[in-house]
Protein backbone atom coordinates (compact mmCIF):
# COMPACT_ATOMS: atom_id res chain seq x y z
CA UNK A 1 -143.08 74.46 74.59
CA UNK A 2 -141.25 72.56 77.11
CA UNK A 3 -139.81 74.79 80.06
CA UNK A 4 -136.07 72.86 80.41
CA UNK A 5 -133.44 73.71 82.89
CA UNK A 6 -129.58 72.36 81.72
CA UNK A 7 -126.95 72.65 83.86
CA UNK A 8 -123.28 73.02 82.52
CA UNK A 9 -124.59 75.45 80.48
CA UNK A 10 -121.06 76.82 79.51
CA UNK A 11 -119.51 73.12 78.69
CA UNK A 12 -118.60 71.37 75.82
CA UNK A 13 -121.66 69.60 75.65
CA UNK A 14 -123.74 72.02 76.88
CA UNK A 15 -123.26 74.50 74.35
CA UNK A 16 -124.02 72.34 71.38
CA UNK A 17 -127.49 71.28 73.59
CA UNK A 18 -128.61 74.72 73.37
CA UNK A 19 -127.23 75.74 70.06
CA UNK A 20 -129.76 72.28 69.13
CA UNK A 21 -132.69 72.63 71.11
CA UNK A 22 -133.26 76.72 71.47
CA UNK A 23 -135.87 77.04 69.00
CA UNK A 24 -137.43 73.90 70.51
CA UNK A 25 -138.05 74.23 73.84
CA UNK A 26 -137.19 77.23 76.60
CA UNK A 27 -134.34 76.78 78.22
CA UNK A 28 -132.80 77.81 81.68
CA UNK A 29 -128.92 77.89 82.39
CA UNK A 30 -127.54 76.72 85.50
CA UNK A 31 -123.80 76.94 85.24
CA UNK A 32 -120.95 78.74 88.30
CA UNK A 33 -120.07 81.66 86.20
CA UNK A 34 -123.27 82.68 83.80
CA UNK A 35 -126.22 81.50 83.05
CA UNK A 36 -130.37 82.27 84.44
CA UNK A 37 -128.79 80.72 87.74
CA UNK A 38 -124.95 81.39 88.96
CA UNK A 39 -124.32 78.68 91.50
CA UNK A 40 -121.64 76.05 92.65
CA UNK A 41 -123.79 73.11 92.73
CA UNK A 42 -121.10 71.32 95.01
CA UNK A 43 -121.24 74.14 97.89
CA UNK A 44 -124.96 75.32 97.70
CA UNK A 45 -128.61 73.61 96.94
CA UNK A 46 -130.28 76.11 94.39
CA UNK A 47 -133.85 77.67 95.36
CA UNK A 48 -135.58 77.34 91.97
CA UNK A 49 -138.37 80.13 90.97
CA UNK A 50 -138.87 78.55 88.06
CA UNK A 51 -140.74 75.02 87.35
CA UNK A 52 -139.14 72.65 84.80
CA UNK A 53 -140.47 69.71 82.67
CA UNK A 54 -136.92 68.88 81.80
CA UNK A 55 -133.71 68.99 83.90
CA UNK A 56 -130.58 67.88 81.88
CA UNK A 57 -127.72 67.31 84.16
CA UNK A 58 -124.44 67.83 82.22
CA UNK A 59 -122.70 69.51 84.62
CA UNK A 60 -119.73 67.92 85.99
CA UNK A 61 -115.58 67.31 86.74
CA UNK A 62 -114.57 66.26 83.45
CA UNK A 63 -112.21 62.38 82.93
CA UNK A 64 -109.40 63.42 84.12
CA UNK A 65 -106.08 61.64 86.29
CA UNK A 66 -106.12 63.56 89.20
CA UNK A 67 -102.46 64.65 90.33
CA UNK A 68 -103.59 65.34 94.00
CA UNK A 69 -105.91 63.92 96.57
CA UNK A 70 -107.26 67.58 96.65
CA UNK A 71 -108.34 66.25 92.92
CA UNK A 72 -110.00 63.22 93.35
CA UNK A 73 -112.50 65.09 96.10
CA UNK A 74 -113.48 67.54 93.58
CA UNK A 75 -114.72 64.86 91.73
CA UNK A 76 -116.69 63.63 94.68
CA UNK A 77 -117.83 66.86 95.45
CA UNK A 78 -118.83 68.42 91.70
CA UNK A 79 -120.31 65.07 90.69
CA UNK A 80 -121.64 63.66 93.79
CA UNK A 81 -122.60 66.35 96.35
CA UNK A 82 -123.18 68.97 93.45
CA UNK A 83 -125.62 66.22 91.92
CA UNK A 84 -127.59 65.66 95.42
CA UNK A 85 -127.40 69.45 95.71
CA UNK A 86 -129.39 69.82 92.67
CA UNK A 87 -132.03 67.27 93.40
CA UNK A 88 -132.28 68.77 96.85
CA UNK A 89 -132.88 71.98 95.24
CA UNK A 90 -136.41 70.35 93.95
CA UNK A 91 -137.50 69.10 97.33
CA UNK A 92 -138.59 72.66 97.65
CA UNK A 93 -139.93 73.29 94.29
CA UNK A 94 -141.84 71.58 92.01
CA UNK A 95 -140.25 68.19 90.82
CA UNK A 96 -139.87 67.91 86.68
CA UNK A 97 -141.37 65.13 84.87
CA UNK A 98 -138.44 64.14 83.59
CA UNK A 99 -134.63 64.32 84.31
CA UNK A 100 -131.95 63.35 81.79
CA UNK A 101 -128.32 62.36 83.87
CA UNK A 102 -125.19 62.92 81.70
CA UNK A 103 -123.08 60.21 82.62
CA UNK A 104 -120.05 58.16 80.60
CA UNK A 105 -119.00 54.95 79.75
CA UNK A 106 -116.36 55.24 82.42
CA UNK A 107 -118.48 53.45 85.22
CA UNK A 108 -117.66 50.26 83.44
CA UNK A 109 -113.85 50.75 84.35
CA UNK A 110 -112.72 48.93 81.54
CA UNK A 111 -109.84 49.64 79.86
CA UNK A 112 -109.77 47.16 77.12
CA UNK A 113 -112.90 45.35 75.51
CA UNK A 114 -115.16 45.04 72.92
CA UNK A 115 -118.87 46.21 72.61
CA UNK A 116 -119.73 46.67 76.54
CA UNK A 117 -123.32 46.93 76.85
CA UNK A 118 -125.24 48.23 79.56
CA UNK A 119 -125.73 44.71 81.42
CA UNK A 120 -122.44 45.12 81.96
CA UNK A 121 -120.65 45.66 86.22
CA UNK A 122 -120.18 48.81 87.37
CA UNK A 123 -116.52 48.22 88.38
CA UNK A 124 -114.48 51.50 87.99
CA UNK A 125 -112.13 52.10 91.02
CA UNK A 126 -110.81 55.65 89.66
CA UNK A 127 -112.37 58.71 91.08
CA UNK A 128 -113.92 59.83 88.15
CA UNK A 129 -115.76 56.79 87.28
CA UNK A 130 -116.66 56.12 91.32
CA UNK A 131 -118.33 59.43 91.73
CA UNK A 132 -120.62 59.17 88.39
CA UNK A 133 -121.70 55.41 89.71
CA UNK A 134 -122.17 56.79 92.58
CA UNK A 135 -124.16 59.90 90.85
CA UNK A 136 -125.88 57.70 88.92
CA UNK A 137 -127.33 55.88 91.81
CA UNK A 138 -128.68 59.36 93.54
CA UNK A 139 -130.12 60.15 90.45
CA UNK A 140 -131.97 56.77 89.65
CA UNK A 141 -133.07 56.86 93.13
CA UNK A 142 -134.45 59.76 93.67
CA UNK A 143 -136.47 59.50 90.28
CA UNK A 144 -138.27 56.61 91.52
CA UNK A 145 -139.14 58.36 95.13
CA UNK A 146 -140.67 61.22 93.12
CA UNK A 147 -142.12 59.43 90.34
CA UNK A 148 -140.01 61.36 87.48
CA UNK A 149 -138.75 59.98 84.62
CA UNK A 150 -135.23 59.09 84.64
CA UNK A 151 -132.43 59.00 81.92
CA UNK A 152 -129.03 58.25 82.21
CA UNK A 153 -127.14 58.69 79.09
CA UNK A 154 -123.52 57.13 78.89
CA UNK A 155 -120.80 59.23 76.65
CA UNK A 156 -118.09 57.62 75.29
CA UNK A 157 -115.57 60.44 73.67
CA UNK A 158 -117.42 63.26 72.73
CA UNK A 159 -116.60 64.71 69.25
CA UNK A 160 -117.33 68.42 67.68
CA UNK A 161 -116.30 71.62 66.69
CA UNK A 162 -112.61 72.45 69.53
CA UNK A 163 -113.86 69.70 71.58
CA UNK A 164 -111.66 69.26 74.60
CA UNK A 165 -109.95 66.36 76.53
CA UNK A 166 -107.79 63.73 74.93
CA UNK A 167 -109.36 64.39 70.99
CA UNK A 168 -108.16 67.99 71.45
CA UNK A 169 -104.93 67.19 72.33
CA UNK A 170 -105.08 65.03 69.38
CA UNK A 171 -105.56 67.49 66.90
CA UNK A 172 -103.11 69.49 68.86
CA UNK A 173 -100.35 67.40 68.11
CA UNK A 174 -101.27 66.84 64.55
CA UNK A 175 -101.63 69.85 63.74
CA UNK A 176 -98.17 71.17 65.71
CA UNK A 177 -96.40 67.91 63.93
CA UNK A 178 -96.06 65.57 66.96
CA UNK A 179 -98.77 62.98 66.77
CA UNK A 180 -97.52 59.30 66.19
CA UNK A 181 -100.05 56.16 65.72
CA UNK A 182 -98.18 52.93 67.22
CA UNK A 183 -98.30 49.94 65.67
CA UNK A 184 -100.56 51.12 62.17
CA UNK A 185 -103.01 52.51 64.61
CA UNK A 186 -105.32 49.78 64.23
CA UNK A 187 -107.19 49.57 67.90
CA UNK A 188 -110.47 51.10 67.74
CA UNK A 189 -112.39 53.76 70.36
CA UNK A 190 -116.03 54.52 70.76
CA UNK A 191 -116.99 58.18 70.45
CA UNK A 192 -120.17 60.28 69.18
CA UNK A 193 -121.02 63.58 68.43
CA UNK A 194 -122.28 66.25 70.70
CA UNK A 195 -124.83 67.49 68.49
CA UNK A 196 -126.28 63.57 68.15
CA UNK A 197 -126.50 63.73 71.79
CA UNK A 198 -128.08 66.58 71.60
CA UNK A 199 -130.79 66.05 69.34
CA UNK A 200 -131.75 62.68 70.75
CA UNK A 201 -132.49 64.42 73.87
CA UNK A 202 -136.06 65.29 73.25
CA UNK A 203 -137.37 61.66 72.39
CA UNK A 204 -135.68 59.71 75.20
CA UNK A 205 -136.61 62.18 77.87
CA UNK A 206 -140.39 61.09 77.68
CA UNK A 207 -138.91 57.21 77.46
CA UNK A 208 -136.51 56.93 80.28
CA UNK A 209 -134.08 54.18 80.92
CA UNK A 210 -130.10 54.32 80.57
CA UNK A 211 -128.53 54.04 77.32
CA UNK A 212 -124.73 53.76 75.75
CA UNK A 213 -124.43 56.71 72.86
CA UNK A 214 -121.78 55.99 70.13
CA UNK A 215 -121.64 56.66 66.95
CA UNK A 216 -121.89 52.75 65.49
CA UNK A 217 -118.53 52.67 63.58
CA UNK A 218 -115.65 53.15 66.50
CA UNK A 219 -113.17 54.51 64.23
CA UNK A 220 -109.73 53.20 64.38
CA UNK A 221 -106.58 55.65 65.48
CA UNK A 222 -105.29 55.30 62.16
CA UNK A 223 -109.01 56.36 60.57
CA UNK A 224 -108.98 59.21 63.19
CA UNK A 225 -105.94 60.88 62.54
CA UNK A 226 -105.89 60.29 59.20
CA UNK A 227 -109.40 62.89 59.19
CA UNK A 228 -108.10 65.20 61.18
CA UNK A 229 -105.05 65.32 59.00
CA UNK A 230 -106.76 66.00 56.14
CA UNK A 231 -109.22 68.73 58.01
CA UNK A 232 -106.33 70.51 59.06
CA UNK A 233 -104.33 70.15 55.98
CA UNK A 234 -101.81 68.79 57.92
CA UNK A 235 -99.39 65.29 56.53
CA UNK A 236 -101.00 62.46 57.54
CA UNK A 237 -98.82 61.07 61.15
CA UNK A 238 -96.19 58.45 60.58
CA UNK A 239 -96.12 54.95 62.47
CA UNK A 240 -93.90 54.44 65.51
CA UNK A 241 -93.18 50.38 65.66
CA UNK A 242 -95.34 48.75 68.72
CA UNK A 243 -92.42 47.23 70.05
CA UNK A 244 -90.40 50.21 70.12
CA UNK A 245 -93.41 51.39 72.23
CA UNK A 246 -93.36 48.67 74.50
CA UNK A 247 -89.84 49.29 75.56
CA UNK A 248 -90.42 53.14 76.13
CA UNK A 249 -93.19 51.73 78.42
CA UNK A 250 -91.10 49.41 80.64
CA UNK A 251 -88.83 52.49 80.70
CA UNK A 252 -91.59 54.56 82.04
CA UNK A 253 -92.38 51.74 84.46
CA UNK A 254 -88.95 52.26 85.78
CA UNK A 255 -88.98 55.86 85.89
CA UNK A 256 -92.17 55.95 87.32
CA UNK A 257 -94.84 59.04 87.70
CA UNK A 258 -92.36 61.42 85.95
CA UNK A 259 -92.48 59.73 82.63
CA UNK A 260 -95.39 60.33 80.63
CA UNK A 261 -96.14 56.77 79.64
CA UNK A 262 -95.55 53.70 81.10
CA UNK A 263 -96.61 49.71 79.96
CA UNK A 264 -100.23 50.10 81.06
CA UNK A 265 -100.55 53.12 79.13
CA UNK A 266 -99.10 51.49 76.25
CA UNK A 267 -101.85 48.12 76.53
CA UNK A 268 -104.41 50.85 76.17
CA UNK A 269 -103.31 52.80 73.42
CA UNK A 270 -102.93 49.67 71.25
CA UNK A 271 -106.35 47.53 72.45
CA UNK A 272 -109.61 48.39 71.42
CA UNK A 273 -112.40 49.50 73.85
CA UNK A 274 -115.70 50.00 72.27
CA UNK A 275 -119.67 49.92 73.27
CA UNK A 276 -122.78 48.48 72.36
CA UNK A 277 -125.34 51.27 71.86
CA UNK A 278 -128.14 48.31 70.05
CA UNK A 279 -130.15 49.34 73.15
CA UNK A 280 -130.69 52.86 71.93
CA UNK A 281 -131.47 51.92 68.18
CA UNK A 282 -133.96 49.36 69.33
CA UNK A 283 -135.40 52.01 71.62
CA UNK A 284 -135.05 54.97 70.45
CA UNK A 285 -134.22 54.37 66.85
CA UNK A 286 -130.42 55.85 67.43
CA UNK A 287 -128.88 56.93 64.31
CA UNK A 288 -125.84 58.75 64.76
CA UNK A 289 -123.42 60.53 61.59
CA UNK A 290 -119.81 58.95 61.68
CA UNK A 291 -117.38 60.83 63.86
CA UNK A 292 -115.10 60.05 60.50
CA UNK A 293 -117.51 61.38 58.27
CA UNK A 294 -118.29 64.43 60.48
CA UNK A 295 -114.94 65.32 60.19
CA UNK A 296 -114.30 64.62 57.09
CA UNK A 297 -117.27 67.49 56.09
CA UNK A 298 -116.56 70.35 58.93
CA UNK A 299 -114.06 71.87 60.55
CA UNK A 300 -113.45 71.25 63.85
């Protein structure tokens, strides 16, 4: 049975990983306020008393729009400095054989595009995407230097029960009756089930490499909203004409940050953004469940 260190064990994905792998491996947890190691990685270098075969680094500051400079710095401190401190902790103890870093498709820096693969340039300019790029580079170099099998998982929107972030906001809006699709909700977005990511970990850890992981279906906003509405026994959302929304976006351009929508946000909402997971399917036999199918058959 492998000894595994899981950082970010109290987060959305961390909890799913524990649930999926708990009987398969011995998991030691690390988190800021709970776990076997209660450590704030952005501020201190851990001292490990255990030896680990595999480290799953899922801790980090999730994607959000920073409202102040201090919040921009948090992305660097948590995602970059936190990663560096974690790896420095292994300089004073036995190094793991395998290391998995949970990254994001945000590293590509794209708001629009179809089937973007792992060879696409890393062009992020936002604080979150930049922090993930720098953390990836540090992990790759450290693993190469120390002969550790390195895996980078670039994830899109994560789906599961009580999911946070944009999906959680969408579910809440549908439940409360103020969600609307735009232009029939035809835009497609990549997403993936947290349980499928967790189920792949033990296989990918021994292989290594950089992988996009998606459900391969890339549901449209309409398909997703209809599934959520039925899951929650709510009426299916109405559609707002795209022309009207574009006018509202232009109003937002004029009013500035105080207004929740602008032309750029409207463009993102009506454009596809999907990622290609062919590499994982070929190398790892990745065969995930459709997010819509999951929502149709499970309470979220």
